[in-house]
Amino acid sequence: MTTYKCYQCGMSVKANCGQCDIPLENGVLTLDYGTQVQISQCPSCKGKIKSPQCCGEDMACTV
């Protein structure tokens, strides 16, 4: 299962898609004006959410 970890405080999160019950994968969404945003996405239904944050920063993904 994918785990998101905060390297500042050590907190971690395991995230599954609520619809498919499949672990979310780390990804990047490029906005219209070129800015990239870290996201978590379901490999099955292609649903996307903003990746979790902790200590004011995106949590890093390890697979």
PDB file of N, CA and C in Angstrom:
ATOM      1  N   MET A   1       0.836  -1.181   0.000  1.00  0.00           N
ATOM      2  CA  MET A   1       0.000   0.000   0.000  1.00  0.00           C
ATOM      3  C   MET A   1       0.881   1.244   0.000  1.00  0.00           C
ATOM      4  N   THR A   2       0.467   2.255  -0.709  1.00  0.00           N
ATOM      5  CA  THR A   2       1.206   3.504  -0.772  1.00  0.00           C
ATOM      6  C   THR A   2       1.170   4.203   0.576  1.00  0.00           C
ATOM      7  N   THR A   3       2.285   4.725   1.003  1.00  0.00           N
ATOM      8  CA  THR A   3       2.371   5.455   2.257  1.00  0.00           C
ATOM      9  C   THR A   3       2.931   6.844   1.987  1.00  0.00           C
ATOM     10  N   TYR A   4       2.280   7.844   2.538  1.00  0.00           N
ATOM     11  CA  TYR A   4       2.762   9.215   2.460  1.00  0.00           C
ATOM     12  C   TYR A   4       3.370   9.546   3.805  1.00  0.00           C
ATOM     13  N   LYS A   5       4.575  10.115   3.806  1.00  0.00           N
ATOM     14  CA  LYS A   5       5.283  10.363   5.047  1.00  0.00           C
ATOM     15  C   LYS A   5       5.764  11.808   5.112  1.00  0.00           C
ATOM     16  N   CYS A   6       5.653  12.399   6.296  1.00  0.00           N
ATOM     17  CA  CYS A   6       6.194  13.726   6.546  1.00  0.00           C
ATOM     18  C   CYS A   6       7.604  13.554   7.075  1.00  0.00           C
ATOM     19  N   TYR A   7       8.566  14.109   6.361  1.00  0.00           N
ATOM     20  CA  TYR A   7       9.957  13.955   6.780  1.00  0.00           C
ATOM     21  C   TYR A   7      10.342  14.948   7.876  1.00  0.00           C
ATOM     22  N   GLN A   8       9.435  15.875   8.220  1.00  0.00           N
ATOM     23  CA  GLN A   8       9.729  16.792   9.323  1.00  0.00           C
ATOM     24  C   GLN A   8       9.353  16.190  10.674  1.00  0.00           C
ATOM     25  N   CYS A   9       8.160  15.569  10.760  1.00  0.00           N
ATOM     26  CA  CYS A   9       7.704  15.062  12.062  1.00  0.00           C
ATOM     27  C   CYS A   9       7.538  13.542  12.108  1.00  0.00           C
ATOM     28  N   GLY A  10       7.589  12.873  10.941  1.00  0.00           N
ATOM     29  CA  GLY A  10       7.502  11.423  10.910  1.00  0.00           C
ATOM     30  C   GLY A  10       6.104  10.849  10.761  1.00  0.00           C
ATOM     31  N   MET A  11       5.065  11.697  10.756  1.00  0.00           N
ATOM     32  CA  MET A  11       3.703  11.183  10.581  1.00  0.00           C
ATOM     33  C   MET A  11       3.575  10.523   9.220  1.00  0.00           C
ATOM     34  N   SER A  12       2.769   9.439   9.134  1.00  0.00           N
ATOM     35  CA  SER A  12       2.544   8.782   7.852  1.00  0.00           C
ATOM     36  C   SER A  12       1.068   8.485   7.672  1.00  0.00           C
ATOM     37  N   VAL A  13       0.652   8.333   6.402  1.00  0.00           N
ATOM     38  CA  VAL A  13      -0.741   8.102   6.030  1.00  0.00           C
ATOM     39  C   VAL A  13      -0.786   7.011   4.976  1.00  0.00           C
ATOM     40  N   LYS A  14      -1.722   6.085   5.115  1.00  0.00           N
ATOM     41  CA  LYS A  14      -1.992   5.094   4.068  1.00  0.00           C
ATOM     42  C   LYS A  14      -3.348   5.468   3.485  1.00  0.00           C
ATOM     43  N   ALA A  15      -3.423   5.603   2.152  1.00  0.00           N
ATOM     44  CA  ALA A  15      -4.642   6.094   1.512  1.00  0.00           C
ATOM     45  C   ALA A  15      -5.138   5.135   0.438  1.00  0.00           C
ATOM     46  N   ASN A  16      -6.421   4.785   0.533  1.00  0.00           N
ATOM     47  CA  ASN A  16      -7.107   3.971  -0.473  1.00  0.00           C
ATOM     48  C   ASN A  16      -8.234   4.786  -1.098  1.00  0.00           C
ATOM     49  N   CYS A  17      -8.588   4.464  -2.326  1.00  0.00           N
ATOM     50  CA  CYS A  17      -9.750   5.061  -2.974  1.00  0.00           C
ATOM     51  C   CYS A  17     -11.007   4.575  -2.251  1.00  0.00           C
ATOM     52  N   GLY A  18     -11.872   5.479  -1.872  1.00  0.00           N
ATOM     53  CA  GLY A  18     -13.100   5.109  -1.192  1.00  0.00           C
ATOM     54  C   GLY A  18     -14.069   4.356  -2.086  1.00  0.00           C
ATOM     55  N   GLN A  19     -13.997   4.569  -3.382  1.00  0.00           N
ATOM     56  CA  GLN A  19     -14.885   3.903  -4.335  1.00  0.00           C
ATOM     57  C   GLN A  19     -14.378   2.516  -4.716  1.00  0.00           C
ATOM     58  N   CYS A  20     -13.075   2.401  -4.983  1.00  0.00           N
ATOM     59  CA  CYS A  20     -12.499   1.155  -5.496  1.00  0.00           C
ATOM     60  C   CYS A  20     -11.765   0.341  -4.433  1.00  0.00           C
ATOM     61  N   ASP A  21     -11.441   0.937  -3.296  1.00  0.00           N
ATOM     62  CA  ASP A  21     -10.662   0.321  -2.225  1.00  0.00           C
ATOM     63  C   ASP A  21      -9.294  -0.156  -2.722  1.00  0.00           C
ATOM     64  N   ILE A  22      -8.692   0.649  -3.601  1.00  0.00           N
ATOM     65  CA  ILE A  22      -7.373   0.377  -4.153  1.00  0.00           C
ATOM     66  C   ILE A  22      -6.425   1.453  -3.626  1.00  0.00           C
ATOM     67  N   PRO A  23      -5.176   1.102  -3.282  1.00  0.00           N
ATOM     68  CA  PRO A  23      -4.230   2.120  -2.828  1.00  0.00           C
ATOM     69  C   PRO A  23      -4.027   3.224  -3.865  1.00  0.00           C
ATOM     70  N   LEU A  24      -4.018   4.470  -3.391  1.00  0.00           N
ATOM     71  CA  LEU A  24      -3.769   5.600  -4.274  1.00  0.00           C
ATOM     72  C   LEU A  24      -2.299   5.646  -4.665  1.00  0.00           C
ATOM     73  N   GLU A  25      -2.046   6.172  -5.852  1.00  0.00           N
ATOM     74  CA  GLU A  25      -0.685   6.306  -6.357  1.00  0.00           C
ATOM     75  C   GLU A  25      -0.307   7.778  -6.411  1.00  0.00           C
ATOM     76  N   ASN A  26       0.969   8.057  -6.228  1.00  0.00           N
ATOM     77  CA  ASN A  26       1.479   9.406  -6.324  1.00  0.00           C
ATOM     78  C   ASN A  26       1.449   9.854  -7.780  1.00  0.00           C
ATOM     79  N   GLY A  27       1.142  11.121  -8.016  1.00  0.00           N
ATOM     80  CA  GLY A  27       1.121  11.644  -9.372  1.00  0.00           C
ATOM     81  C   GLY A  27       1.329  13.145  -9.375  1.00  0.00           C
ATOM     82  N   VAL A  28       1.368  13.711 -10.576  1.00  0.00           N
ATOM     83  CA  VAL A  28       1.544  15.144 -10.751  1.00  0.00           C
ATOM     84  C   VAL A  28       0.487  15.628 -11.734  1.00  0.00           C
ATOM     85  N   LEU A  29      -0.168  16.729 -11.404  1.00  0.00           N
ATOM     86  CA  LEU A  29      -1.149  17.359 -12.281  1.00  0.00           C
ATOM     87  C   LEU A  29      -0.561  18.679 -12.742  1.00  0.00           C
ATOM     88  N   THR A  30      -0.485  18.886 -14.062  1.00  0.00           N
ATOM     89  CA  THR A  30       0.017  20.146 -14.602  1.00  0.00           C
ATOM     90  C   THR A  30      -1.173  21.053 -14.910  1.00  0.00           C
ATOM     91  N   LEU A  31      -1.217  22.195 -14.250  1.00  0.00           N
ATOM     92  CA  LEU A  31      -2.307  23.151 -14.447  1.00  0.00           C
ATOM     93  C   LEU A  31      -2.131  23.892 -15.769  1.00  0.00           C
ATOM     94  N   ASP A  32      -3.207  24.562 -16.225  1.00  0.00           N
ATOM     95  CA  ASP A  32      -3.201  25.249 -17.519  1.00  0.00           C
ATOM     96  C   ASP A  32      -2.048  26.229 -17.670  1.00  0.00           C
ATOM     97  N   TYR A  33      -1.639  26.885 -16.596  1.00  0.00           N
ATOM     98  CA  TYR A  33      -0.579  27.894 -16.684  1.00  0.00           C
ATOM     99  C   TYR A  33       0.802  27.320 -16.365  1.00  0.00           C
ATOM    100  N   GLY A  34       0.931  25.973 -16.324  1.00  0.00           N
ATOM    101  CA  GLY A  34       2.223  25.311 -16.212  1.00  0.00           C
ATOM    102  C   GLY A  34       2.658  24.879 -14.824  1.00  0.00           C
ATOM    103  N   THR A  35       1.983  25.341 -13.789  1.00  0.00           N
ATOM    104  CA  THR A  35       2.338  24.949 -12.429  1.00  0.00           C
ATOM    105  C   THR A  35       1.991  23.482 -12.215  1.00  0.00           C
ATOM    106  N   GLN A  36       2.879  22.750 -11.545  1.00  0.00           N
ATOM    107  CA  GLN A  36       2.618  21.342 -11.239  1.00  0.00           C
ATOM    108  C   GLN A  36       2.206  21.193  -9.787  1.00  0.00           C
ATOM    109  N   VAL A  37       1.204  20.334  -9.556  1.00  0.00           N
ATOM    110  CA  VAL A  37       0.671  20.074  -8.232  1.00  0.00           C
ATOM    111  C   VAL A  37       0.780  18.580  -7.960  1.00  0.00           C
ATOM    112  N   GLN A  38       1.323  18.211  -6.787  1.00  0.00           N
ATOM    113  CA  GLN A  38       1.406  16.796  -6.413  1.00  0.00           C
ATOM    114  C   GLN A  38      -0.002  16.321  -6.058  1.00  0.00           C
ATOM    115  N   ILE A  39      -0.399  15.162  -6.609  1.00  0.00           N
ATOM    116  CA  ILE A  39      -1.723  14.605  -6.347  1.00  0.00           C
ATOM    117  C   ILE A  39      -1.594  13.122  -5.973  1.00  0.00           C
ATOM    118  N   SER A  40      -2.683  12.590  -5.454  1.00  0.00           N
ATOM    119  CA  SER A  40      -2.839  11.155  -5.247  1.00  0.00           C
ATOM    120  C   SER A  40      -3.960  10.732  -6.183  1.00  0.00           C
ATOM    121  N   GLN A  41      -3.770   9.627  -6.911  1.00  0.00           N
ATOM    122  CA  GLN A  41      -4.781   9.217  -7.878  1.00  0.00           C
ATOM    123  C   GLN A  41      -5.040   7.721  -7.806  1.00  0.00           C
ATOM    124  N   CYS A  42      -6.275   7.353  -8.149  1.00  0.00           N
ATOM    125  CA  CYS A  42      -6.668   5.948  -8.175  1.00  0.00           C
ATOM    126  C   CYS A  42      -6.302   5.373  -9.538  1.00  0.00           C
ATOM    127  N   PRO A  43      -5.566   4.264  -9.581  1.00  0.00           N
ATOM    128  CA  PRO A  43      -5.198   3.672 -10.868  1.00  0.00           C
ATOM    129  C   PRO A  43      -6.378   3.021 -11.590  1.00  0.00           C
ATOM    130  N   SER A  44      -7.484   2.790 -10.885  1.00  0.00           N
ATOM    131  CA  SER A  44      -8.639   2.137 -11.489  1.00  0.00           C
ATOM    132  C   SER A  44      -9.655   3.142 -12.042  1.00  0.00           C
ATOM    133  N   CYS A  45     -10.217   3.981 -11.164  1.00  0.00           N
ATOM    134  CA  CYS A  45     -11.272   4.901 -11.606  1.00  0.00           C
ATOM    135  C   CYS A  45     -10.722   6.257 -12.037  1.00  0.00           C
ATOM    136  N   LYS A  46      -9.418   6.480 -11.851  1.00  0.00           N
ATOM    137  CA  LYS A  46      -8.724   7.707 -12.252  1.00  0.00           C
ATOM    138  C   LYS A  46      -9.140   8.932 -11.432  1.00  0.00           C
ATOM    139  N   GLY A  47      -9.788   8.717 -10.279  1.00  0.00           N
ATOM    140  CA  GLY A  47     -10.107   9.820  -9.382  1.00  0.00           C
ATOM    141  C   GLY A  47      -8.829  10.444  -8.847  1.00  0.00           C
ATOM    142  N   LYS A  48      -8.868  11.748  -8.565  1.00  0.00           N
ATOM    143  CA  LYS A  48      -7.681  12.462  -8.106  1.00  0.00           C
ATOM    144  C   LYS A  48      -8.023  13.319  -6.899  1.00  0.00           C
ATOM    145  N   ILE A  49      -7.068  13.423  -5.968  1.00  0.00           N
ATOM    146  CA  ILE A  49      -7.163  14.354  -4.856  1.00  0.00           C
ATOM    147  C   ILE A  49      -5.808  15.024  -4.675  1.00  0.00           C
ATOM    148  N   LYS A  50      -5.812  16.161  -4.011  1.00  0.00           N
ATOM    149  CA  LYS A  50      -4.552  16.803  -3.642  1.00  0.00           C
ATOM    150  C   LYS A  50      -3.864  15.886  -2.652  1.00  0.00           C
ATOM    151  N   SER A  51      -2.591  15.665  -2.817  1.00  0.00           N
ATOM    152  CA  SER A  51      -1.857  14.804  -1.894  1.00  0.00           C
ATOM    153  C   SER A  51      -1.918  15.365  -0.478  1.00  0.00           C
ATOM    154  N   PRO A  52      -1.836  14.474   0.521  1.00  0.00           N
ATOM    155  CA  PRO A  52      -1.900  14.927   1.905  1.00  0.00           C
ATOM    156  C   PRO A  52      -0.745  15.865   2.258  1.00  0.00           C
ATOM    157  N   GLN A  53      -1.009  16.765   3.208  1.00  0.00           N
ATOM    158  CA  GLN A  53       0.010  17.676   3.683  1.00  0.00           C
ATOM    159  C   GLN A  53       0.187  17.529   5.184  1.00  0.00           C
ATOM    160  N   CYS A  54       1.389  17.823   5.647  1.00  0.00           N
ATOM    161  CA  CYS A  54       1.696  17.828   7.075  1.00  0.00           C
ATOM    162  C   CYS A  54       2.808  18.851   7.275  1.00  0.00           C
ATOM    163  N   CYS A  55       2.796  19.528   8.383  1.00  0.00           N
ATOM    164  CA  CYS A  55       3.818  20.545   8.684  1.00  0.00           C
ATOM    165  C   CYS A  55       3.943  21.580   7.568  1.00  0.00           C
ATOM    166  N   GLY A  56       2.829  21.849   6.853  1.00  0.00           N
ATOM    167  CA  GLY A  56       2.806  22.865   5.812  1.00  0.00           C
ATOM    168  C   GLY A  56       3.399  22.457   4.486  1.00  0.00           C
ATOM    169  N   GLU A  57       3.724  21.178   4.296  1.00  0.00           N
ATOM    170  CA  GLU A  57       4.318  20.710   3.036  1.00  0.00           C
ATOM    171  C   GLU A  57       3.637  19.422   2.579  1.00  0.00           C
ATOM    172  N   ASP A  58       3.701  19.166   1.245  1.00  0.00           N
ATOM    173  CA  ASP A  58       3.190  17.900   0.741  1.00  0.00           C
ATOM    174  C   ASP A  58       3.955  16.753   1.368  1.00  0.00           C
ATOM    175  N   MET A  59       3.229  15.703   1.732  1.00  0.00           N
ATOM    176  CA  MET A  59       3.875  14.511   2.268  1.00  0.00           C
ATOM    177  C   MET A  59       4.484  13.730   1.111  1.00  0.00           C
ATOM    178  N   ALA A  60       5.655  13.157   1.300  1.00  0.00           N
ATOM    179  CA  ALA A  60       6.346  12.404   0.264  1.00  0.00           C
ATOM    180  C   ALA A  60       5.752  11.001   0.155  1.00  0.00           C
ATOM    181  N   CYS A  61       5.747  10.471  -1.058  1.00  0.00           N
ATOM    182  CA  CYS A  61       5.188   9.147  -1.318  1.00  0.00           C
ATOM    183  C   CYS A  61       6.301   8.132  -1.468  1.00  0.00           C
ATOM    184  N   THR A  62       6.145   6.984  -0.816  1.00  0.00           N
ATOM    185  CA  THR A  62       7.037   5.859  -1.031  1.00  0.00           C
ATOM    186  C   THR A  62       6.180   4.688  -1.477  1.00  0.00           C
ATOM    187  N   VAL A  63       6.681   3.927  -2.422  1.00  0.00           N
ATOM    188  CA  VAL A  63       5.908   2.801  -2.940  1.00  0.00           C
ATOM    189  C   VAL A  63       6.567   1.505  -2.510  1.00  0.00           C
TER     190      VAL A  63
END
